């Protein structure tokens, strides 16, 4: 009986250790994903800004051309 309690204790300790490691990995991956989303968002904003500039510039040139 006492041997099975020791075994259960060891299993519980191993489980606790593994869950701690797993929790750390999940936290790390979540942080990596957060950073990736932030980078994609920033790149998207930059691209939208460039497209906006091109559209505004094109409209302005069109308006200047049609005023002549």
N, C-alpha and C. Protein backbone atom coordinates (compact mmCIF):
# COMPACT_ATOMS: atom_id res chain seq x y z
N UNK A 1 0.82 -1.20 0.00
CA UNK A 1 0.00 0.00 0.00
C UNK A 1 0.87 1.26 0.00
N UNK A 2 1.91 1.27 0.87
CA UNK A 2 2.75 2.46 0.92
C UNK A 2 3.54 2.65 -0.37
N UNK A 3 3.89 1.54 -1.04
CA UNK A 3 4.58 1.63 -2.33
C UNK A 3 3.68 2.27 -3.38
N UNK A 4 2.41 1.93 -3.39
CA UNK A 4 1.48 2.52 -4.35
C UNK A 4 1.25 4.00 -4.05
N UNK A 5 1.31 4.37 -2.77
CA UNK A 5 1.19 5.80 -2.43
C UNK A 5 2.41 6.57 -2.92
N UNK A 6 3.59 5.97 -2.78
CA UNK A 6 4.82 6.60 -3.29
C UNK A 6 4.72 6.74 -4.80
N UNK A 7 4.27 5.69 -5.47
CA UNK A 7 4.12 5.73 -6.92
C UNK A 7 3.12 6.80 -7.33
N UNK A 8 2.01 6.87 -6.64
CA UNK A 8 1.03 7.91 -6.93
C UNK A 8 1.61 9.30 -6.68
N UNK A 9 2.40 9.43 -5.64
CA UNK A 9 3.05 10.70 -5.35
C UNK A 9 4.03 11.09 -6.44
N UNK A 10 4.79 10.10 -6.93
CA UNK A 10 5.73 10.37 -8.02
C UNK A 10 5.00 10.75 -9.30
N UNK A 11 3.91 10.04 -9.58
CA UNK A 11 3.11 10.36 -10.76
C UNK A 11 2.55 11.78 -10.65
N UNK A 12 2.04 12.11 -9.49
CA UNK A 12 1.49 13.45 -9.28
C UNK A 12 2.58 14.51 -9.44
N UNK A 13 3.76 14.25 -8.93
CA UNK A 13 4.87 15.22 -9.04
C UNK A 13 5.30 15.37 -10.49
N UNK A 14 5.40 14.24 -11.21
CA UNK A 14 5.75 14.31 -12.63
C UNK A 14 4.69 15.06 -13.43
N UNK A 15 3.44 14.79 -13.10
CA UNK A 15 2.35 15.48 -13.78
C UNK A 15 2.42 16.98 -13.53
N UNK A 16 2.69 17.36 -12.30
CA UNK A 16 2.81 18.78 -11.95
C UNK A 16 3.95 19.43 -12.72
N UNK A 17 5.09 18.74 -12.79
CA UNK A 17 6.24 19.26 -13.52
C UNK A 17 5.92 19.41 -15.00
N UNK A 18 5.32 18.37 -15.58
CA UNK A 18 4.99 18.42 -17.00
C UNK A 18 3.96 19.49 -17.32
N UNK A 19 2.97 19.66 -16.46
CA UNK A 19 1.98 20.71 -16.66
C UNK A 19 2.61 22.09 -16.57
N UNK A 20 3.57 22.23 -15.67
CA UNK A 20 4.30 23.50 -15.57
C UNK A 20 5.07 23.80 -16.84
N UNK A 21 5.75 22.78 -17.38
CA UNK A 21 6.49 22.95 -18.63
C UNK A 21 5.55 23.26 -19.79
N UNK A 22 4.45 22.54 -19.83
CA UNK A 22 3.46 22.77 -20.88
C UNK A 22 2.88 24.18 -20.81
N UNK A 23 2.60 24.62 -19.61
CA UNK A 23 2.07 25.97 -19.42
C UNK A 23 3.07 27.02 -19.90
N UNK A 24 4.34 26.79 -19.61
CA UNK A 24 5.37 27.71 -20.07
C UNK A 24 5.46 27.75 -21.58
N UNK A 25 5.37 26.58 -22.22
CA UNK A 25 5.41 26.53 -23.68
C UNK A 25 4.22 27.23 -24.31
N UNK A 26 3.03 27.00 -23.74
CA UNK A 26 1.83 27.65 -24.26
C UNK A 26 1.94 29.17 -24.13
N UNK A 27 2.44 29.63 -22.99
CA UNK A 27 2.62 31.07 -22.78
C UNK A 27 3.61 31.64 -23.79
N UNK A 28 4.69 30.92 -24.02
CA UNK A 28 5.71 31.37 -24.97
C UNK A 28 5.13 31.45 -26.39
N UNK A 29 4.39 30.44 -26.80
CA UNK A 29 3.79 30.44 -28.14
C UNK A 29 2.75 31.54 -28.28
N UNK A 30 2.00 31.79 -27.23
CA UNK A 30 1.01 32.87 -27.27
C UNK A 30 1.70 34.22 -27.45
N UNK A 31 2.83 34.39 -26.80
CA UNK A 31 3.58 35.63 -26.95
C UNK A 31 4.14 35.75 -28.36
N UNK A 32 4.61 34.63 -28.92
CA UNK A 32 5.11 34.64 -30.30
C UNK A 32 3.99 35.01 -31.27
N UNK A 33 2.81 34.42 -31.07
CA UNK A 33 1.68 34.73 -31.94
C UNK A 33 1.26 36.19 -31.81
N UNK A 34 1.28 36.71 -30.60
CA UNK A 34 0.94 38.12 -30.37
C UNK A 34 1.91 39.03 -31.12
N UNK A 35 3.20 38.71 -31.05
CA UNK A 35 4.19 39.51 -31.76
C UNK A 35 3.98 39.42 -33.27
N UNK A 36 3.68 38.22 -33.77
CA UNK A 36 3.43 38.05 -35.19
C UNK A 36 2.23 38.87 -35.65
N UNK A 37 1.16 38.84 -34.89
CA UNK A 37 -0.04 39.61 -35.23
C UNK A 37 0.27 41.10 -35.23
N UNK A 38 1.05 41.56 -34.26
CA UNK A 38 1.43 42.97 -34.21
C UNK A 38 2.24 43.36 -35.44
N UNK A 39 3.18 42.50 -35.84
CA UNK A 39 4.00 42.80 -37.02
C UNK A 39 3.16 42.81 -38.29
N UNK A 40 2.26 41.84 -38.42
CA UNK A 40 1.39 41.80 -39.60
C UNK A 40 0.49 43.03 -39.64
N UNK A 41 -0.03 43.43 -38.49
CA UNK A 41 -0.88 44.62 -38.42
C UNK A 41 -0.11 45.86 -38.83
N UNK A 42 1.11 45.99 -38.35
CA UNK A 42 1.93 47.17 -38.70
C UNK A 42 2.25 47.18 -40.20
N UNK A 43 2.61 46.03 -40.75
CA UNK A 43 2.90 45.97 -42.19
C UNK A 43 1.65 46.28 -43.01
N UNK A 44 0.51 45.81 -42.55
CA UNK A 44 -0.75 46.09 -43.26
C UNK A 44 -1.05 47.57 -43.24
N UNK A 45 -0.84 48.20 -42.10
CA UNK A 45 -1.08 49.65 -42.01
C UNK A 45 -0.17 50.41 -42.97
N UNK A 46 1.09 49.98 -43.05
CA UNK A 46 2.02 50.64 -43.97
C UNK A 46 1.57 50.47 -45.41
N UNK A 47 1.12 49.27 -45.77
CA UNK A 47 0.67 49.02 -47.14
C UNK A 47 -0.60 49.82 -47.45
N UNK A 48 -1.51 49.88 -46.51
CA UNK A 48 -2.74 50.68 -46.71
C UNK A 48 -2.38 52.14 -46.89
N UNK A 49 -1.42 52.61 -46.12
CA UNK A 49 -0.98 54.01 -46.24
C UNK A 49 -0.40 54.27 -47.63
N UNK A 50 0.38 53.34 -48.14
CA UNK A 50 0.96 53.50 -49.48
C UNK A 50 -0.12 53.51 -50.55
N UNK A 51 -1.07 52.59 -50.44
CA UNK A 51 -2.16 52.53 -51.41
C UNK A 51 -2.98 53.82 -51.33
N UNK A 52 -3.24 54.29 -50.13
CA UNK A 52 -3.99 55.53 -49.94
C UNK A 52 -3.27 56.70 -50.60
N UNK A 53 -1.96 56.75 -50.46
CA UNK A 53 -1.17 57.83 -51.07
C UNK A 53 -1.29 57.76 -52.60
N UNK A 54 -1.15 56.56 -53.15
CA UNK A 54 -1.22 56.40 -54.61
C UNK A 54 -2.60 56.81 -55.12
N UNK A 55 -3.65 56.39 -54.43
CA UNK A 55 -5.01 56.74 -54.86
C UNK A 55 -5.21 58.25 -54.77
N UNK A 56 -4.81 58.85 -53.65
CA UNK A 56 -4.97 60.30 -53.50
C UNK A 56 -4.19 61.06 -54.56
N UNK A 57 -2.97 60.61 -54.83
CA UNK A 57 -2.13 61.27 -55.83
C UNK A 57 -2.75 61.13 -57.22
N UNK A 58 -3.27 59.95 -57.52
CA UNK A 58 -3.89 59.72 -58.82
C UNK A 58 -5.14 60.58 -58.99
N UNK A 59 -5.96 60.66 -57.97
CA UNK A 59 -7.17 61.48 -58.02
C UNK A 59 -6.79 62.95 -58.20
N UNK A 60 -5.79 63.38 -57.46
CA UNK A 60 -5.35 64.78 -57.57
C UNK A 60 -4.85 65.08 -58.99
N UNK A 61 -4.06 64.20 -59.55
CA UNK A 61 -3.56 64.42 -60.92
C UNK A 61 -4.70 64.39 -61.93
N UNK A 62 -5.66 63.50 -61.73
CA UNK A 62 -6.82 63.44 -62.62
C UNK A 62 -7.60 64.74 -62.56
N UNK A 63 -7.81 65.24 -61.34
CA UNK A 63 -8.56 66.50 -61.19
C UNK A 63 -7.81 67.65 -61.84
N UNK A 64 -6.49 67.67 -61.68
CA UNK A 64 -5.71 68.74 -62.31
C UNK A 64 -5.78 68.65 -63.83
N UNK A 65 -5.76 67.44 -64.34
CA UNK A 65 -5.79 67.23 -65.79
C UNK A 65 -7.15 67.64 -66.35
N UNK A 66 -8.22 67.33 -65.66
CA UNK A 66 -9.55 67.64 -66.18
C UNK A 66 -9.90 69.11 -66.03
N UNK A 67 -9.18 69.84 -65.19
CA UNK A 67 -9.45 71.28 -65.02
C UNK A 67 -8.88 72.09 -66.18
N UNK A 68 -7.99 71.54 -66.92
CA UNK A 68 -7.35 72.27 -68.00
C UNK A 68 -8.26 72.50 -69.14
